[in-house]
């Protein structure tokens, strides 16, 4: 939700989806949360 509020959109293209997922994974890792896509 937070990334969507900042204008990110994973439905625009597969490249955008990959970038968004990587960014989300990095943010969660910094918070000590495991990769939800693993």
PDB file of N, CA and C in Angstrom:
ATOM      1  N   UNK A   1       0.786  -1.182   0.000  1.00  0.00           N
ATOM      2  CA  UNK A   1       0.000   0.000   0.000  1.00  0.00           C
ATOM      3  C   UNK A   1       0.845   1.269   0.000  1.00  0.00           C
ATOM      4  N   UNK A   2       1.923   1.284   0.776  1.00  0.00           N
ATOM      5  CA  UNK A   2       2.748   2.488   0.872  1.00  0.00           C
ATOM      6  C   UNK A   2       3.405   2.823  -0.462  1.00  0.00           C
ATOM      7  N   UNK A   3       3.917   1.815  -1.155  1.00  0.00           N
ATOM      8  CA  UNK A   3       4.545   2.086  -2.449  1.00  0.00           C
ATOM      9  C   UNK A   3       3.513   2.547  -3.471  1.00  0.00           C
ATOM     10  N   UNK A   4       2.323   1.981  -3.420  1.00  0.00           N
ATOM     11  CA  UNK A   4       1.256   2.424  -4.322  1.00  0.00           C
ATOM     12  C   UNK A   4       0.905   3.885  -4.049  1.00  0.00           C
ATOM     13  N   UNK A   5       0.890   4.282  -2.803  1.00  0.00           N
ATOM     14  CA  UNK A   5       0.575   5.667  -2.442  1.00  0.00           C
ATOM     15  C   UNK A   5       1.640   6.632  -2.966  1.00  0.00           C
ATOM     16  N   UNK A   6       2.846   6.100  -3.203  1.00  0.00           N
ATOM     17  CA  UNK A   6       3.932   6.927  -3.732  1.00  0.00           C
ATOM     18  C   UNK A   6       4.010   6.861  -5.255  1.00  0.00           C
ATOM     19  N   UNK A   7       3.028   6.223  -5.879  1.00  0.00           N
ATOM     20  CA  UNK A   7       2.973   6.197  -7.332  1.00  0.00           C
ATOM     21  C   UNK A   7       3.501   4.945  -8.004  1.00  0.00           C
ATOM     22  N   UNK A   8       3.977   3.973  -7.237  1.00  0.00           N
ATOM     23  CA  UNK A   8       4.451   2.722  -7.824  1.00  0.00           C
ATOM     24  C   UNK A   8       3.257   1.925  -8.323  1.00  0.00           C
ATOM     25  N   UNK A   9       3.453   1.198  -9.437  1.00  0.00           N
ATOM     26  CA  UNK A   9       2.371   0.395 -10.004  1.00  0.00           C
ATOM     27  C   UNK A   9       2.954  -0.872 -10.610  1.00  0.00           C
ATOM     28  N   UNK A  10       2.612  -2.015 -10.056  1.00  0.00           N
ATOM     29  CA  UNK A  10       3.142  -3.286 -10.544  1.00  0.00           C
ATOM     30  C   UNK A  10       2.360  -3.815 -11.737  1.00  0.00           C
ATOM     31  N   UNK A  11       1.267  -3.153 -12.101  1.00  0.00           N
ATOM     32  CA  UNK A  11       0.462  -3.611 -13.228  1.00  0.00           C
ATOM     33  C   UNK A  11       0.801  -2.879 -14.523  1.00  0.00           C
ATOM     34  N   UNK A  12       1.698  -1.899 -14.470  1.00  0.00           N
ATOM     35  CA  UNK A  12       2.073  -1.132 -15.656  1.00  0.00           C
ATOM     36  C   UNK A  12       2.905  -1.976 -16.616  1.00  0.00           C
ATOM     37  N   UNK A  13       3.916  -2.640 -16.071  1.00  0.00           N
ATOM     38  CA  UNK A  13       4.780  -3.497 -16.891  1.00  0.00           C
ATOM     39  C   UNK A  13       5.482  -4.502 -15.989  1.00  0.00           C
ATOM     40  N   UNK A  14       6.011  -5.546 -16.610  1.00  0.00           N
ATOM     41  CA  UNK A  14       6.728  -6.549 -15.821  1.00  0.00           C
ATOM     42  C   UNK A  14       7.993  -5.955 -15.206  1.00  0.00           C
ATOM     43  N   UNK A  15       8.643  -5.041 -15.926  1.00  0.00           N
ATOM     44  CA  UNK A  15       9.836  -4.380 -15.387  1.00  0.00           C
ATOM     45  C   UNK A  15       9.480  -3.583 -14.141  1.00  0.00           C
ATOM     46  N   UNK A  16       8.390  -2.825 -14.189  1.00  0.00           N
ATOM     47  CA  UNK A  16       7.950  -2.067 -13.016  1.00  0.00           C
ATOM     48  C   UNK A  16       7.628  -3.010 -11.863  1.00  0.00           C
ATOM     49  N   UNK A  17       6.990  -4.126 -12.159  1.00  0.00           N
ATOM     50  CA  UNK A  17       6.645  -5.095 -11.121  1.00  0.00           C
ATOM     51  C   UNK A  17       7.907  -5.653 -10.475  1.00  0.00           C
ATOM     52  N   UNK A  18       8.908  -5.980 -11.290  1.00  0.00           N
ATOM     53  CA  UNK A  18      10.170  -6.512 -10.760  1.00  0.00           C
ATOM     54  C   UNK A  18      10.883  -5.477  -9.895  1.00  0.00           C
ATOM     55  N   UNK A  19      10.910  -4.227 -10.355  1.00  0.00           N
ATOM     56  CA  UNK A  19      11.556  -3.162  -9.582  1.00  0.00           C
ATOM     57  C   UNK A  19      10.822  -2.923  -8.269  1.00  0.00           C
ATOM     58  N   UNK A  20       9.504  -2.929  -8.324  1.00  0.00           N
ATOM     59  CA  UNK A  20       8.708  -2.696  -7.118  1.00  0.00           C
ATOM     60  C   UNK A  20       8.919  -3.828  -6.112  1.00  0.00           C
ATOM     61  N   UNK A  21       8.932  -5.080  -6.603  1.00  0.00           N
ATOM     62  CA  UNK A  21       9.141  -6.219  -5.712  1.00  0.00           C
ATOM     63  C   UNK A  21      10.520  -6.151  -5.058  1.00  0.00           C
ATOM     64  N   UNK A  22      11.540  -5.792  -5.822  1.00  0.00           N
ATOM     65  CA  UNK A  22      12.895  -5.684  -5.269  1.00  0.00           C
ATOM     66  C   UNK A  22      12.959  -4.590  -4.209  1.00  0.00           C
ATOM     67  N   UNK A  23      12.349  -3.455  -4.501  1.00  0.00           N
ATOM     68  CA  UNK A  23      12.339  -2.342  -3.548  1.00  0.00           C
ATOM     69  C   UNK A  23      11.590  -2.743  -2.279  1.00  0.00           C
ATOM     70  N   UNK A  24      10.450  -3.398  -2.446  1.00  0.00           N
ATOM     71  CA  UNK A  24       9.657  -3.844  -1.304  1.00  0.00           C
ATOM     72  C   UNK A  24      10.451  -4.835  -0.449  1.00  0.00           C
ATOM     73  N   UNK A  25      11.129  -5.767  -1.097  1.00  0.00           N
ATOM     74  CA  UNK A  25      11.928  -6.761  -0.380  1.00  0.00           C
ATOM     75  C   UNK A  25      13.049  -6.095   0.414  1.00  0.00           C
ATOM     76  N   UNK A  26      13.706  -5.088  -0.189  1.00  0.00           N
ATOM     77  CA  UNK A  26      14.770  -4.352   0.507  1.00  0.00           C
ATOM     78  C   UNK A  26      14.230  -3.626   1.738  1.00  0.00           C
ATOM     79  N   UNK A  27      13.095  -2.977   1.592  1.00  0.00           N
ATOM     80  CA  UNK A  27      12.485  -2.250   2.719  1.00  0.00           C
ATOM     81  C   UNK A  27      12.140  -3.213   3.846  1.00  0.00           C
ATOM     82  N   UNK A  28      11.517  -4.332   3.501  1.00  0.00           N
ATOM     83  CA  UNK A  28      11.142  -5.307   4.522  1.00  0.00           C
ATOM     84  C   UNK A  28      12.376  -5.874   5.219  1.00  0.00           C
ATOM     85  N   UNK A  29      13.448  -6.123   4.465  1.00  0.00           N
ATOM     86  CA  UNK A  29      14.682  -6.648   5.060  1.00  0.00           C
ATOM     87  C   UNK A  29      15.252  -5.666   6.076  1.00  0.00           C
ATOM     88  N   UNK A  30      15.210  -4.373   5.753  1.00  0.00           N
ATOM     89  CA  UNK A  30      15.691  -3.361   6.693  1.00  0.00           C
ATOM     90  C   UNK A  30      14.862  -3.348   7.974  1.00  0.00           C
ATOM     91  N   UNK A  31      13.615  -3.774   7.875  1.00  0.00           N
ATOM     92  CA  UNK A  31      12.739  -3.834   9.045  1.00  0.00           C
ATOM     93  C   UNK A  31      12.810  -5.187   9.755  1.00  0.00           C
ATOM     94  N   UNK A  32      13.666  -6.090   9.232  1.00  0.00           N
ATOM     95  CA  UNK A  32      13.821  -7.404   9.844  1.00  0.00           C
ATOM     96  C   UNK A  32      12.727  -8.381   9.469  1.00  0.00           C
ATOM     97  N   UNK A  33      12.050  -8.129   8.355  1.00  0.00           N
ATOM     98  CA  UNK A  33      10.958  -8.994   7.902  1.00  0.00           C
ATOM     99  C   UNK A  33      11.455  -9.807   6.713  1.00  0.00           C
ATOM    100  N   UNK A  34      11.210 -11.111   6.744  1.00  0.00           N
ATOM    101  CA  UNK A  34      11.673 -12.012   5.692  1.00  0.00           C
ATOM    102  C   UNK A  34      10.992 -11.709   4.359  1.00  0.00           C
ATOM    103  N   UNK A  35      11.663 -12.094   3.287  1.00  0.00           N
ATOM    104  CA  UNK A  35      11.162 -11.911   1.923  1.00  0.00           C
ATOM    105  C   UNK A  35       9.847 -12.681   1.745  1.00  0.00           C
ATOM    106  N   UNK A  36       8.740 -11.984   1.510  1.00  0.00           N
ATOM    107  CA  UNK A  36       7.454 -12.671   1.368  1.00  0.00           C
ATOM    108  C   UNK A  36       7.324 -13.415   0.040  1.00  0.00           C
ATOM    109  N   UNK A  37       8.237 -13.165  -0.892  1.00  0.00           N
ATOM    110  CA  UNK A  37       8.175 -13.803  -2.209  1.00  0.00           C
ATOM    111  C   UNK A  37       9.078 -15.028  -2.308  1.00  0.00           C
ATOM    112  N   UNK A  38       9.852 -15.285  -1.269  1.00  0.00           N
ATOM    113  CA  UNK A  38      10.804 -16.408  -1.292  1.00  0.00           C
ATOM    114  C   UNK A  38      10.104 -17.734  -1.091  1.00  0.00           C
TER     115      UNK A  38
END
